[in-house]
Amino acid sequence: MPAQIEAHELLTRLAGDVTREPSLTDALRQLPEPLAAGHTVRITEDNDYSTPSEAGRMVGVPRQYVDKLIARGELVATHKPQGSHRLINVSDIEALRAKRDERCQGVDAMVDTLLDAGVEY
């Protein structure tokens, strides 16, 4: 945990010092919280690709679920030239994660409403 705290403090100080590039400053300001919580942070380019296994880890689902999404056409995968390994655009993975997070928040809100109404859990 001390390494996470050190990274949190370093990034907080660094984000305060970066003033010439607003987008970099904003990105650095967002990093300390997930790092301090022990989460993995990945910085990618817009056209970066990941494997189905990596996509599953990024979204928090098994690779087999990612395979099903690809098979159903809900997630687009490409192949490396001259290879059979599938690759998924990171922006598509982020969109999937955002959609999943939104659904989870909806379910949490429904559960909270039921609990507030006195329904036993």
PDB file of N, CA and C in Angstrom:
ATOM      1  N   MET A   1       0.801  -1.204   0.000  1.00  0.00           N
ATOM      2  CA  MET A   1       0.000   0.000   0.000  1.00  0.00           C
ATOM      3  C   MET A   1       0.847   1.274   0.000  1.00  0.00           C
ATOM      4  N   PRO A   2       2.020   1.300   0.641  1.00  0.00           N
ATOM      5  CA  PRO A   2       2.820   2.526   0.622  1.00  0.00           C
ATOM      6  C   PRO A   2       3.171   2.979  -0.785  1.00  0.00           C
ATOM      7  N   ALA A   3       3.433   2.051  -1.712  1.00  0.00           N
ATOM      8  CA  ALA A   3       3.757   2.440  -3.086  1.00  0.00           C
ATOM      9  C   ALA A   3       2.571   3.126  -3.738  1.00  0.00           C
ATOM     10  N   GLN A   4       1.353   2.664  -3.428  1.00  0.00           N
ATOM     11  CA  GLN A   4       0.153   3.290  -3.985  1.00  0.00           C
ATOM     12  C   GLN A   4      -0.014   4.697  -3.443  1.00  0.00           C
ATOM     13  N   ILE A   5       0.251   4.872  -2.171  1.00  0.00           N
ATOM     14  CA  ILE A   5       0.132   6.197  -1.564  1.00  0.00           C
ATOM     15  C   ILE A   5       1.182   7.130  -2.149  1.00  0.00           C
ATOM     16  N   GLU A   6       2.429   6.626  -2.324  1.00  0.00           N
ATOM     17  CA  GLU A   6       3.482   7.441  -2.924  1.00  0.00           C
ATOM     18  C   GLU A   6       3.102   7.854  -4.340  1.00  0.00           C
ATOM     19  N   ALA A   7       2.540   6.934  -5.123  1.00  0.00           N
ATOM     20  CA  ALA A   7       2.117   7.253  -6.492  1.00  0.00           C
ATOM     21  C   ALA A   7       1.007   8.294  -6.459  1.00  0.00           C
ATOM     22  N   HIS A   8       0.091   8.150  -5.524  1.00  0.00           N
ATOM     23  CA  HIS A   8      -1.012   9.107  -5.385  1.00  0.00           C
ATOM     24  C   HIS A   8      -0.468  10.502  -5.110  1.00  0.00           C
ATOM     25  N   GLU A   9       0.445  10.617  -4.154  1.00  0.00           N
ATOM     26  CA  GLU A   9       1.013  11.922  -3.803  1.00  0.00           C
ATOM     27  C   GLU A   9       1.820  12.507  -4.957  1.00  0.00           C
ATOM     28  N   LEU A  10       2.613  11.666  -5.626  1.00  0.00           N
ATOM     29  CA  LEU A  10       3.426  12.133  -6.743  1.00  0.00           C
ATOM     30  C   LEU A  10       2.546  12.647  -7.881  1.00  0.00           C
ATOM     31  N   LEU A  11       1.537  11.894  -8.240  1.00  0.00           N
ATOM     32  CA  LEU A  11       0.659  12.318  -9.339  1.00  0.00           C
ATOM     33  C   LEU A  11      -0.135  13.558  -8.985  1.00  0.00           C
ATOM     34  N   THR A  12      -0.543  13.678  -7.735  1.00  0.00           N
ATOM     35  CA  THR A  12      -1.271  14.872  -7.309  1.00  0.00           C
ATOM     36  C   THR A  12      -0.386  16.101  -7.461  1.00  0.00           C
ATOM     37  N   ARG A  13       0.875  15.980  -7.023  1.00  0.00           N
ATOM     38  CA  ARG A  13       1.809  17.104  -7.164  1.00  0.00           C
ATOM     39  C   ARG A  13       2.110  17.397  -8.629  1.00  0.00           C
ATOM     40  N   LEU A  14       2.319  16.350  -9.412  1.00  0.00           N
ATOM     41  CA  LEU A  14       2.641  16.504 -10.822  1.00  0.00           C
ATOM     42  C   LEU A  14       1.485  17.158 -11.580  1.00  0.00           C
ATOM     43  N   ALA A  15       0.271  16.746 -11.309  1.00  0.00           N
ATOM     44  CA  ALA A  15      -0.894  17.320 -11.990  1.00  0.00           C
ATOM     45  C   ALA A  15      -1.006  18.805 -11.678  1.00  0.00           C
ATOM     46  N   GLY A  16      -0.641  19.200 -10.481  1.00  0.00           N
ATOM     47  CA  GLY A  16      -0.685  20.614 -10.134  1.00  0.00           C
ATOM     48  C   GLY A  16       0.375  21.431 -10.850  1.00  0.00           C
ATOM     49  N   ASP A  17       1.457  20.778 -11.270  1.00  0.00           N
ATOM     50  CA  ASP A  17       2.554  21.480 -11.933  1.00  0.00           C
ATOM     51  C   ASP A  17       2.407  21.561 -13.454  1.00  0.00           C
ATOM     52  N   VAL A  18       1.577  20.721 -14.037  1.00  0.00           N
ATOM     53  CA  VAL A  18       1.422  20.710 -15.491  1.00  0.00           C
ATOM     54  C   VAL A  18       0.364  21.743 -15.867  1.00  0.00           C
ATOM     55  N   THR A  19       0.797  22.807 -16.502  1.00  0.00           N
ATOM     56  CA  THR A  19      -0.147  23.870 -16.838  1.00  0.00           C
ATOM     57  C   THR A  19      -0.208  24.150 -18.332  1.00  0.00           C
ATOM     58  N   ARG A  20       0.772  23.718 -19.093  1.00  0.00           N
ATOM     59  CA  ARG A  20       0.800  24.031 -20.524  1.00  0.00           C
ATOM     60  C   ARG A  20      -0.104  23.136 -21.349  1.00  0.00           C
ATOM     61  N   GLU A  21      -0.416  21.961 -20.865  1.00  0.00           N
ATOM     62  CA  GLU A  21      -1.244  21.017 -21.613  1.00  0.00           C
ATOM     63  C   GLU A  21      -2.457  20.648 -20.764  1.00  0.00           C
ATOM     64  N   PRO A  22      -3.573  21.353 -20.944  1.00  0.00           N
ATOM     65  CA  PRO A  22      -4.747  21.120 -20.100  1.00  0.00           C
ATOM     66  C   PRO A  22      -5.251  19.679 -20.114  1.00  0.00           C
ATOM     67  N   SER A  23      -5.222  19.015 -21.278  1.00  0.00           N
ATOM     68  CA  SER A  23      -5.729  17.644 -21.316  1.00  0.00           C
ATOM     69  C   SER A  23      -4.843  16.710 -20.493  1.00  0.00           C
ATOM     70  N   LEU A  24      -3.539  16.943 -20.488  1.00  0.00           N
ATOM     71  CA  LEU A  24      -2.629  16.139 -19.675  1.00  0.00           C
ATOM     72  C   LEU A  24      -2.860  16.426 -18.194  1.00  0.00           C
ATOM     73  N   THR A  25      -3.054  17.681 -17.861  1.00  0.00           N
ATOM     74  CA  THR A  25      -3.326  18.054 -16.475  1.00  0.00           C
ATOM     75  C   THR A  25      -4.594  17.366 -15.983  1.00  0.00           C
ATOM     76  N   ASP A  26      -5.636  17.393 -16.792  1.00  0.00           N
ATOM     77  CA  ASP A  26      -6.894  16.736 -16.412  1.00  0.00           C
ATOM     78  C   ASP A  26      -6.707  15.238 -16.230  1.00  0.00           C
ATOM     79  N   ALA A  27      -5.968  14.621 -17.150  1.00  0.00           N
ATOM     80  CA  ALA A  27      -5.733  13.181 -17.057  1.00  0.00           C
ATOM     81  C   ALA A  27      -4.957  12.828 -15.795  1.00  0.00           C
ATOM     82  N   LEU A  28      -3.927  13.602 -15.494  1.00  0.00           N
ATOM     83  CA  LEU A  28      -3.126  13.328 -14.296  1.00  0.00           C
ATOM     84  C   LEU A  28      -3.925  13.547 -13.023  1.00  0.00           C
ATOM     85  N   ARG A  29      -4.842  14.493 -13.033  1.00  0.00           N
ATOM     86  CA  ARG A  29      -5.667  14.732 -11.844  1.00  0.00           C
ATOM     87  C   ARG A  29      -6.628  13.587 -11.574  1.00  0.00           C
ATOM     88  N   GLN A  30      -6.969  12.822 -12.610  1.00  0.00           N
ATOM     89  CA  GLN A  30      -7.893  11.705 -12.442  1.00  0.00           C
ATOM     90  C   GLN A  30      -7.196  10.420 -12.000  1.00  0.00           C
ATOM     91  N   LEU A  31      -5.882  10.335 -12.148  1.00  0.00           N
ATOM     92  CA  LEU A  31      -5.151   9.104 -11.839  1.00  0.00           C
ATOM     93  C   LEU A  31      -5.008   8.770 -10.352  1.00  0.00           C
ATOM     94  N   PRO A  32      -4.775   9.726  -9.471  1.00  0.00           N
ATOM     95  CA  PRO A  32      -4.481   9.348  -8.079  1.00  0.00           C
ATOM     96  C   PRO A  32      -5.558   8.528  -7.385  1.00  0.00           C
ATOM     97  N   GLU A  33      -6.825   8.855  -7.593  1.00  0.00           N
ATOM     98  CA  GLU A  33      -7.890   8.152  -6.870  1.00  0.00           C
ATOM     99  C   GLU A  33      -7.931   6.657  -7.187  1.00  0.00           C
ATOM    100  N   PRO A  34      -7.987   6.243  -8.470  1.00  0.00           N
ATOM    101  CA  PRO A  34      -7.996   4.798  -8.718  1.00  0.00           C
ATOM    102  C   PRO A  34      -6.706   4.108  -8.308  1.00  0.00           C
ATOM    103  N   LEU A  35      -5.573   4.794  -8.429  1.00  0.00           N
ATOM    104  CA  LEU A  35      -4.311   4.189  -7.998  1.00  0.00           C
ATOM    105  C   LEU A  35      -4.290   3.992  -6.493  1.00  0.00           C
ATOM    106  N   ALA A  36      -4.753   4.982  -5.748  1.00  0.00           N
ATOM    107  CA  ALA A  36      -4.777   4.871  -4.288  1.00  0.00           C
ATOM    108  C   ALA A  36      -5.725   3.760  -3.839  1.00  0.00           C
ATOM    109  N   ALA A  37      -6.767   3.498  -4.644  1.00  0.00           N
ATOM    110  CA  ALA A  37      -7.716   2.432  -4.316  1.00  0.00           C
ATOM    111  C   ALA A  37      -7.196   1.060  -4.730  1.00  0.00           C
ATOM    112  N   GLY A  38      -6.009   1.035  -5.368  1.00  0.00           N
ATOM    113  CA  GLY A  38      -5.418  -0.244  -5.750  1.00  0.00           C
ATOM    114  C   GLY A  38      -5.822  -0.728  -7.128  1.00  0.00           C
ATOM    115  N   HIS A  39      -6.483   0.118  -7.917  1.00  0.00           N
ATOM    116  CA  HIS A  39      -6.903  -0.271  -9.256  1.00  0.00           C
ATOM    117  C   HIS A  39      -5.755  -0.122 -10.249  1.00  0.00           C
ATOM    118  N   THR A  40      -5.823  -0.884 -11.299  1.00  0.00           N
ATOM    119  CA  THR A  40      -4.859  -0.771 -12.385  1.00  0.00           C
ATOM    120  C   THR A  40      -5.305   0.343 -13.316  1.00  0.00           C
ATOM    121  N   VAL A  41      -4.375   1.157 -13.738  1.00  0.00           N
ATOM    122  CA  VAL A  41      -4.669   2.236 -14.667  1.00  0.00           C
ATOM    123  C   VAL A  41      -3.890   1.972 -15.940  1.00  0.00           C
ATOM    124  N   ARG A  42      -4.574   2.067 -17.066  1.00  0.00           N
ATOM    125  CA  ARG A  42      -3.936   1.820 -18.354  1.00  0.00           C
ATOM    126  C   ARG A  42      -4.119   3.055 -19.223  1.00  0.00           C
ATOM    127  N   ILE A  43      -3.042   3.561 -19.745  1.00  0.00           N
ATOM    128  CA  ILE A  43      -3.093   4.708 -20.644  1.00  0.00           C
ATOM    129  C   ILE A  43      -2.867   4.179 -22.051  1.00  0.00           C
ATOM    130  N   THR A  44      -3.805   4.463 -22.935  1.00  0.00           N
ATOM    131  CA  THR A  44      -3.718   3.953 -24.296  1.00  0.00           C
ATOM    132  C   THR A  44      -3.943   5.066 -25.308  1.00  0.00           C
ATOM    133  N   GLU A  45      -3.584   4.790 -26.526  1.00  0.00           N
ATOM    134  CA  GLU A  45      -3.881   5.692 -27.619  1.00  0.00           C
ATOM    135  C   GLU A  45      -5.271   5.351 -28.151  1.00  0.00           C
ATOM    136  N   ASP A  46      -5.871   6.288 -28.890  1.00  0.00           N
ATOM    137  CA  ASP A  46      -7.210   6.059 -29.427  1.00  0.00           C
ATOM    138  C   ASP A  46      -7.289   4.834 -30.321  1.00  0.00           C
ATOM    139  N   ASN A  47      -6.230   4.540 -31.043  1.00  0.00           N
ATOM    140  CA  ASN A  47      -6.260   3.411 -31.969  1.00  0.00           C
ATOM    141  C   ASN A  47      -5.555   2.175 -31.404  1.00  0.00           C
ATOM    142  N   ASP A  48      -5.482   2.067 -30.092  1.00  0.00           N
ATOM    143  CA  ASP A  48      -4.847   0.922 -29.440  1.00  0.00           C
ATOM    144  C   ASP A  48      -5.820  -0.249 -29.434  1.00  0.00           C
ATOM    145  N   TYR A  49      -5.273  -1.458 -29.430  1.00  0.00           N
ATOM    146  CA  TYR A  49      -6.094  -2.666 -29.442  1.00  0.00           C
ATOM    147  C   TYR A  49      -5.704  -3.569 -28.282  1.00  0.00           C
ATOM    148  N   SER A  50      -6.660  -4.385 -27.850  1.00  0.00           N
ATOM    149  CA  SER A  50      -6.427  -5.356 -26.783  1.00  0.00           C
ATOM    150  C   SER A  50      -6.999  -6.700 -27.194  1.00  0.00           C
ATOM    151  N   THR A  51      -6.526  -7.735 -26.541  1.00  0.00           N
ATOM    152  CA  THR A  51      -7.041  -9.084 -26.789  1.00  0.00           C
ATOM    153  C   THR A  51      -8.367  -9.247 -26.045  1.00  0.00           C
ATOM    154  N   PRO A  52      -9.139 -10.281 -26.383  1.00  0.00           N
ATOM    155  CA  PRO A  52     -10.377 -10.540 -25.636  1.00  0.00           C
ATOM    156  C   PRO A  52     -10.135 -10.748 -24.131  1.00  0.00           C
ATOM    157  N   SER A  53      -9.023 -11.383 -23.777  1.00  0.00           N
ATOM    158  CA  SER A  53      -8.715 -11.575 -22.349  1.00  0.00           C
ATOM    159  C   SER A  53      -8.490 -10.239 -21.653  1.00  0.00           C
ATOM    160  N   GLU A  54      -7.704  -9.365 -22.294  1.00  0.00           N
ATOM    161  CA  GLU A  54      -7.463  -8.037 -21.721  1.00  0.00           C
ATOM    162  C   GLU A  54      -8.763  -7.241 -21.649  1.00  0.00           C
ATOM    163  N   ALA A  55      -9.588  -7.356 -22.694  1.00  0.00           N
ATOM    164  CA  ALA A  55     -10.876  -6.653 -22.707  1.00  0.00           C
ATOM    165  C   ALA A  55     -11.740  -7.108 -21.536  1.00  0.00           C
ATOM    166  N   GLY A  56     -11.761  -8.410 -21.286  1.00  0.00           N
ATOM    167  CA  GLY A  56     -12.531  -8.935 -20.162  1.00  0.00           C
ATOM    168  C   GLY A  56     -12.058  -8.363 -18.837  1.00  0.00           C
ATOM    169  N   ARG A  57     -10.729  -8.290 -18.656  1.00  0.00           N
ATOM    170  CA  ARG A  57     -10.183  -7.724 -17.414  1.00  0.00           C
ATOM    171  C   ARG A  57     -10.547  -6.239 -17.291  1.00  0.00           C
ATOM    172  N   MET A  58     -10.501  -5.520 -18.415  1.00  0.00           N
ATOM    173  CA  MET A  58     -10.804  -4.087 -18.379  1.00  0.00           C
ATOM    174  C   MET A  58     -12.262  -3.825 -18.009  1.00  0.00           C
ATOM    175  N   VAL A  59     -13.150  -4.693 -18.465  1.00  0.00           N
ATOM    176  CA  VAL A  59     -14.586  -4.502 -18.219  1.00  0.00           C
ATOM    177  C   VAL A  59     -15.026  -5.190 -16.931  1.00  0.00           C
ATOM    178  N   GLY A  60     -14.276  -6.205 -16.526  1.00  0.00           N
ATOM    179  CA  GLY A  60     -14.649  -6.949 -15.321  1.00  0.00           C
ATOM    180  C   GLY A  60     -15.554  -8.126 -15.617  1.00  0.00           C
ATOM    181  N   VAL A  61     -15.340  -8.736 -16.788  1.00  0.00           N
ATOM    182  CA  VAL A  61     -16.130  -9.902 -17.190  1.00  0.00           C
ATOM    183  C   VAL A  61     -15.171 -10.986 -17.682  1.00  0.00           C
ATOM    184  N   PRO A  62     -15.632 -12.232 -17.731  1.00  0.00           N
ATOM    185  CA  PRO A  62     -14.762 -13.299 -18.240  1.00  0.00           C
ATOM    186  C   PRO A  62     -14.495 -13.150 -19.741  1.00  0.00           C
ATOM    187  N   ARG A  63     -13.389 -13.694 -20.197  1.00  0.00           N
ATOM    188  CA  ARG A  63     -13.064 -13.669 -21.613  1.00  0.00           C
ATOM    189  C   ARG A  63     -14.152 -14.339 -22.434  1.00  0.00           C
ATOM    190  N   GLN A  64     -14.760 -15.402 -21.883  1.00  0.00           N
ATOM    191  CA  GLN A  64     -15.806 -16.119 -22.606  1.00  0.00           C
ATOM    192  C   GLN A  64     -16.994 -15.202 -22.908  1.00  0.00           C
ATOM    193  N   TYR A  65     -17.305 -14.282 -21.996  1.00  0.00           N
ATOM    194  CA  TYR A  65     -18.386 -13.328 -22.232  1.00  0.00           C
ATOM    195  C   TYR A  65     -18.014 -12.390 -23.376  1.00  0.00           C
ATOM    196  N   VAL A  66     -16.761 -11.958 -23.417  1.00  0.00           N
ATOM    197  CA  VAL A  66     -16.281 -11.113 -24.519  1.00  0.00           C
ATOM    198  C   VAL A  66     -16.400 -11.885 -25.835  1.00  0.00           C
ATOM    199  N   ASP A  67     -16.040 -13.178 -25.820  1.00  0.00           N
ATOM    200  CA  ASP A  67     -16.178 -14.012 -27.010  1.00  0.00           C
ATOM    201  C   ASP A  67     -17.625 -14.058 -27.493  1.00  0.00           C
ATOM    202  N   LYS A  68     -18.565 -14.167 -26.557  1.00  0.00           N
ATOM    203  CA  LYS A  68     -19.988 -14.189 -26.925  1.00  0.00           C
ATOM    204  C   LYS A  68     -20.409 -12.865 -27.543  1.00  0.00           C
ATOM    205  N   LEU A  69     -19.940 -11.753 -26.976  1.00  0.00           N
ATOM    206  CA  LEU A  69     -20.275 -10.444 -27.537  1.00  0.00           C
ATOM    207  C   LEU A  69     -19.745 -10.304 -28.957  1.00  0.00           C
ATOM    208  N   ILE A  70     -18.560 -10.836 -29.190  1.00  0.00           N
ATOM    209  CA  ILE A  70     -17.978 -10.802 -30.533  1.00  0.00           C
ATOM    210  C   ILE A  70     -18.811 -11.674 -31.484  1.00  0.00           C
ATOM    211  N   ALA A  71     -19.166 -12.874 -31.033  1.00  0.00           N
ATOM    212  CA  ALA A  71     -19.948 -13.799 -31.866  1.00  0.00           C
ATOM    213  C   ALA A  71     -21.317 -13.217 -32.218  1.00  0.00           C
ATOM    214  N   ARG A  72     -21.920 -12.466 -31.284  1.00  0.00           N
ATOM    215  CA  ARG A  72     -23.241 -11.863 -31.528  1.00  0.00           C
ATOM    216  C   ARG A  72     -23.147 -10.561 -32.314  1.00  0.00           C
ATOM    217  N   GLY A  73     -21.933 -10.104 -32.568  1.00  0.00           N
ATOM    218  CA  GLY A  73     -21.753  -8.864 -33.312  1.00  0.00           C
ATOM    219  C   GLY A  73     -21.906  -7.615 -32.467  1.00  0.00           C
ATOM    220  N   GLU A  74     -21.931  -7.760 -31.147  1.00  0.00           N
ATOM    221  CA  GLU A  74     -22.076  -6.621 -30.243  1.00  0.00           C
ATOM    222  C   GLU A  74     -20.732  -5.951 -29.942  1.00  0.00           C
ATOM    223  N   LEU A  75     -19.665  -6.631 -30.279  1.00  0.00           N
ATOM    224  CA  LEU A  75     -18.312  -6.111 -30.098  1.00  0.00           C
ATOM    225  C   LEU A  75     -17.512  -6.531 -31.327  1.00  0.00           C
ATOM    226  N   VAL A  76     -16.842  -5.577 -31.932  1.00  0.00           N
ATOM    227  CA  VAL A  76     -16.107  -5.848 -33.175  1.00  0.00           C
ATOM    228  C   VAL A  76     -14.673  -6.243 -32.851  1.00  0.00           C
ATOM    229  N   ALA A  77     -14.236  -7.334 -33.459  1.00  0.00           N
ATOM    230  CA  ALA A  77     -12.854  -7.783 -33.304  1.00  0.00           C
ATOM    231  C   ALA A  77     -12.226  -7.890 -34.685  1.00  0.00           C
ATOM    232  N   THR A  78     -10.966  -7.547 -34.775  1.00  0.00           N
ATOM    233  CA  THR A  78     -10.209  -7.692 -36.009  1.00  0.00           C
ATOM    234  C   THR A  78      -9.103  -8.699 -35.761  1.00  0.00           C
ATOM    235  N   HIS A  79      -8.421  -9.071 -36.806  1.00  0.00           N
ATOM    236  CA  HIS A  79      -7.307 -10.014 -36.683  1.00  0.00           C
ATOM    237  C   HIS A  79      -6.000  -9.323 -37.043  1.00  0.00           C
ATOM    238  N   LYS A  80      -4.941  -9.755 -36.391  1.00  0.00           N
ATOM    239  CA  LYS A  80      -3.608  -9.277 -36.765  1.00  0.00           C
ATOM    240  C   LYS A  80      -3.323  -9.757 -38.188  1.00  0.00           C
ATOM    241  N   PRO A  81      -2.585  -8.967 -38.951  1.00  0.00           N
ATOM    242  CA  PRO A  81      -2.208  -9.443 -40.283  1.00  0.00           C
ATOM    243  C   PRO A  81      -1.447 -10.765 -40.175  1.00  0.00           C
ATOM    244  N   GLN A  82      -1.803 -11.706 -41.006  1.00  0.00           N
ATOM    245  CA  GLN A  82      -1.153 -13.018 -41.050  1.00  0.00           C
ATOM    246  C   GLN A  82      -1.289 -13.776 -39.733  1.00  0.00           C
ATOM    247  N   GLY A  83      -2.315 -13.476 -38.950  1.00  0.00           N
ATOM    248  CA  GLY A  83      -2.471 -14.159 -37.673  1.00  0.00           C
ATOM    249  C   GLY A  83      -3.920 -14.478 -37.384  1.00  0.00           C
ATOM    250  N   SER A  84      -4.119 -15.245 -36.334  1.00  0.00           N
ATOM    251  CA  SER A  84      -5.475 -15.631 -35.968  1.00  0.00           C
ATOM    252  C   SER A  84      -5.924 -14.979 -34.661  1.00  0.00           C
ATOM    253  N   HIS A  85      -5.036 -14.204 -34.032  1.00  0.00           N
ATOM    254  CA  HIS A  85      -5.390 -13.567 -32.769  1.00  0.00           C
ATOM    255  C   HIS A  85      -6.352 -12.411 -33.013  1.00  0.00           C
ATOM    256  N   ARG A  86      -7.425 -12.381 -32.233  1.00  0.00           N
ATOM    257  CA  ARG A  86      -8.404 -11.309 -32.366  1.00  0.00           C
ATOM    258  C   ARG A  86      -7.993 -10.113 -31.522  1.00  0.00           C
ATOM    259  N   LEU A  87      -8.282  -8.937 -32.034  1.00  0.00           N
ATOM    260  CA  LEU A  87      -7.981  -7.694 -31.343  1.00  0.00           C
ATOM    261  C   LEU A  87      -9.225  -6.811 -31.332  1.00  0.00           C
ATOM    262  N   ILE A  88      -9.415  -6.103 -30.233  1.00  0.00           N
ATOM    263  CA  ILE A  88     -10.580  -5.232 -30.055  1.00  0.00           C
ATOM    264  C   ILE A  88     -10.068  -3.828 -29.781  1.00  0.00           C
ATOM    265  N   ASN A  89     -10.654  -2.860 -30.456  1.00  0.00           N
ATOM    266  CA  ASN A  89     -10.269  -1.468 -30.255  1.00  0.00           C
ATOM    267  C   ASN A  89     -10.588  -1.050 -28.823  1.00  0.00           C
ATOM    268  N   VAL A  90      -9.640  -0.399 -28.178  1.00  0.00           N
ATOM    269  CA  VAL A  90      -9.811   0.005 -26.784  1.00  0.00           C
ATOM    270  C   VAL A  90     -11.008   0.957 -26.618  1.00  0.00           C
ATOM    271  N   SER A  91     -11.263   1.802 -27.606  1.00  0.00           N
ATOM    272  CA  SER A  91     -12.412   2.712 -27.492  1.00  0.00           C
ATOM    273  C   SER A  91     -13.718   1.919 -27.449  1.00  0.00           C
ATOM    274  N   ASP A  92     -13.791   0.781 -28.160  1.00  0.00           N
ATOM    275  CA  ASP A  92     -14.983  -0.075 -28.096  1.00  0.00           C
ATOM    276  C   ASP A  92     -15.101  -0.739 -26.722  1.00  0.00           C
ATOM    277  N   ILE A  93     -13.971  -1.108 -26.161  1.00  0.00           N
ATOM    278  CA  ILE A  93     -13.974  -1.712 -24.825  1.00  0.00           C
ATOM    279  C   ILE A  93     -14.434  -0.689 -23.788  1.00  0.00           C
ATOM    280  N   GLU A  94     -13.951   0.537 -23.909  1.00  0.00           N
ATOM    281  CA  GLU A  94     -14.371   1.602 -22.987  1.00  0.00           C
ATOM    282  C   GLU A  94     -15.865   1.867 -23.101  1.00  0.00           C
ATOM    283  N   ALA A  95     -16.388   1.844 -24.322  1.00  0.00           N
ATOM    284  CA  ALA A  95     -17.829   2.041 -24.526  1.00  0.00           C
ATOM    285  C   ALA A  95     -18.615   0.909 -23.874  1.00  0.00           C
ATOM    286  N   LEU A  96     -18.112  -0.318 -23.993  1.00  0.00           N
ATOM    287  CA  LEU A  96     -18.762  -1.467 -23.358  1.00  0.00           C
ATOM    288  C   LEU A  96     -18.744  -1.319 -21.840  1.00  0.00           C
ATOM    289  N   ARG A  97     -17.605  -0.888 -21.313  1.00  0.00           N
ATOM    290  CA  ARG A  97     -17.507  -0.707 -19.858  1.00  0.00           C
ATOM    291  C   ARG A  97     -18.455   0.387 -19.372  1.00  0.00           C
ATOM    292  N   ALA A  98     -18.547   1.478 -20.114  1.00  0.00           N
ATOM    293  CA  ALA A  98     -19.450   2.568 -19.727  1.00  0.00           C
ATOM    294  C   ALA A  98     -20.899   2.095 -19.745  1.00  0.00           C
ATOM    295  N   LYS A  99     -21.261   1.319 -20.759  1.00  0.00           N
ATOM    296  CA  LYS A  99     -22.632   0.789 -20.855  1.00  0.00           C
ATOM    297  C   LYS A  99     -22.924  -0.149 -19.688  1.00  0.00           C
ATOM    298  N   ARG A 100     -21.954  -0.991 -19.370  1.00  0.00           N
ATOM    299  CA  ARG A 100     -22.117  -1.939 -18.251  1.00  0.00           C
ATOM    300  C   ARG A 100     -22.226  -1.194 -16.923  1.00  0.00           C
ATOM    301  N   ASP A 101     -21.381  -0.174 -16.735  1.00  0.00           N
ATOM    302  CA  ASP A 101     -21.430   0.614 -15.507  1.00  0.00           C
ATOM    303  C   ASP A 101     -22.778   1.311 -15.357  1.00  0.00           C
ATOM    304  N   GLU A 102     -23.307   1.816 -16.471  1.00  0.00           N
ATOM    305  CA  GLU A 102     -24.608   2.497 -16.447  1.00  0.00           C
ATOM    306  C   GLU A 102     -25.720   1.534 -16.044  1.00  0.00           C
ATOM    307  N   ARG A 103     -25.673   0.311 -16.594  1.00  0.00           N
ATOM    308  CA  ARG A 103     -26.679  -0.690 -16.222  1.00  0.00           C
ATOM    309  C   ARG A 103     -26.572  -1.044 -14.744  1.00  0.00           C
ATOM    310  N   CYS A 104     -25.338  -1.206 -14.261  1.00  0.00           N
ATOM    311  CA  CYS A 104     -25.138  -1.550 -12.850  1.00  0.00           C
ATOM    312  C   CYS A 104     -25.667  -0.452 -11.937  1.00  0.00           C
ATOM    313  N   GLN A 105     -25.458   0.798 -12.322  1.00  0.00           N
ATOM    314  CA  GLN A 105     -25.975   1.908 -11.518  1.00  0.00           C
ATOM    315  C   GLN A 105     -27.495   1.890 -11.496  1.00  0.00           C
ATOM    316  N   GLY A 106     -28.112   1.521 -12.617  1.00  0.00           N
ATOM    317  CA  GLY A 106     -29.571   1.418 -12.676  1.00  0.00           C
ATOM    318  C   GLY A 106     -30.088   0.342 -11.737  1.00  0.00           C
ATOM    319  N   VAL A 107     -29.414  -0.798 -11.727  1.00  0.00           N
ATOM    320  CA  VAL A 107     -29.805  -1.892 -10.835  1.00  0.00           C
ATOM    321  C   VAL A 107     -29.620  -1.463  -9.386  1.00  0.00           C
ATOM    322  N   ASP A 108     -28.502  -0.815  -9.077  1.00  0.00           N
ATOM    323  CA  ASP A 108     -28.258  -0.332  -7.714  1.00  0.00           C
ATOM    324  C   ASP A 108     -29.353   0.638  -7.279  1.00  0.00           C
ATOM    325  N   ALA A 109     -29.774   1.512  -8.182  1.00  0.00           N
ATOM    326  CA  ALA A 109     -30.823   2.481  -7.856  1.00  0.00           C
ATOM    327  C   ALA A 109     -32.142   1.767  -7.571  1.00  0.00           C
ATOM    328  N   MET A 110     -32.451   0.735  -8.353  1.00  0.00           N
ATOM    329  CA  MET A 110     -33.689  -0.022  -8.110  1.00  0.00           C
ATOM    330  C   MET A 110     -33.639  -0.730  -6.766  1.00  0.00           C
ATOM    331  N   VAL A 111     -32.507  -1.331  -6.452  1.00  0.00           N
ATOM    332  CA  VAL A 111     -32.363  -2.017  -5.158  1.00  0.00           C
ATOM    333  C   VAL A 111     -32.512  -1.012  -4.019  1.00  0.00           C
ATOM    334  N   ASP A 112     -31.864   0.148  -4.143  1.00  0.00           N
ATOM    335  CA  ASP A 112     -31.988   1.180  -3.113  1.00  0.00           C
ATOM    336  C   ASP A 112     -33.431   1.619  -2.931  1.00  0.00           C
ATOM    337  N   THR A 113     -34.164   1.768  -4.034  1.00  0.00           N
ATOM    338  CA  THR A 113     -35.570   2.172  -3.965  1.00  0.00           C
ATOM    339  C   THR A 113     -36.384   1.111  -3.223  1.00  0.00           C
ATOM    340  N   LEU A 114     -36.138  -0.144  -3.535  1.00  0.00           N
ATOM    341  CA  LEU A 114     -36.868  -1.230  -2.854  1.00  0.00           C
ATOM    342  C   LEU A 114     -36.516  -1.280  -1.373  1.00  0.00           C
ATOM    343  N   LEU A 115     -35.241  -1.110  -1.051  1.00  0.00           N
ATOM    344  CA  LEU A 115     -34.839  -1.123   0.368  1.00  0.00           C
ATOM    345  C   LEU A 115     -35.447   0.060   1.113  1.00  0.00           C
ATOM    346  N   ASP A 116     -35.457   1.235   0.471  1.00  0.00           N
ATOM    347  CA  ASP A 116     -36.065   2.410   1.092  1.00  0.00           C
ATOM    348  C   ASP A 116     -37.557   2.223   1.310  1.00  0.00           C
ATOM    349  N   ALA A 117     -38.190   1.406   0.459  1.00  0.00           N
ATOM    350  CA  ALA A 117     -39.621   1.144   0.601  1.00  0.00           C
ATOM    351  C   ALA A 117     -39.910   0.081   1.650  1.00  0.00           C
ATOM    352  N   GLY A 118     -38.845  -0.515   2.210  1.00  0.00           N
ATOM    353  CA  GLY A 118     -39.024  -1.494   3.282  1.00  0.00           C
ATOM    354  C   GLY A 118     -39.026  -2.932   2.837  1.00  0.00           C
ATOM    355  N   VAL A 119     -38.731  -3.182   1.571  1.00  0.00           N
ATOM    356  CA  VAL A 119     -38.671  -4.566   1.081  1.00  0.00           C
ATOM    357  C   VAL A 119     -37.421  -5.210   1.666  1.00  0.00           C
ATOM    358  N   GLU A 120     -37.587  -6.432   2.193  1.00  0.00           N
ATOM    359  CA  GLU A 120     -36.433  -7.112   2.775  1.00  0.00           C
ATOM    360  C   GLU A 120     -35.508  -7.611   1.685  1.00  0.00           C
ATOM    361  N   TYR A 121     -34.226  -7.569   1.998  1.00  0.00           N
ATOM    362  CA  TYR A 121     -33.216  -7.966   1.011  1.00  0.00           C
ATOM    363  C   TYR A 121     -32.666  -9.305   1.369  1.00  0.00           C
TER     364      TYR A 121
END
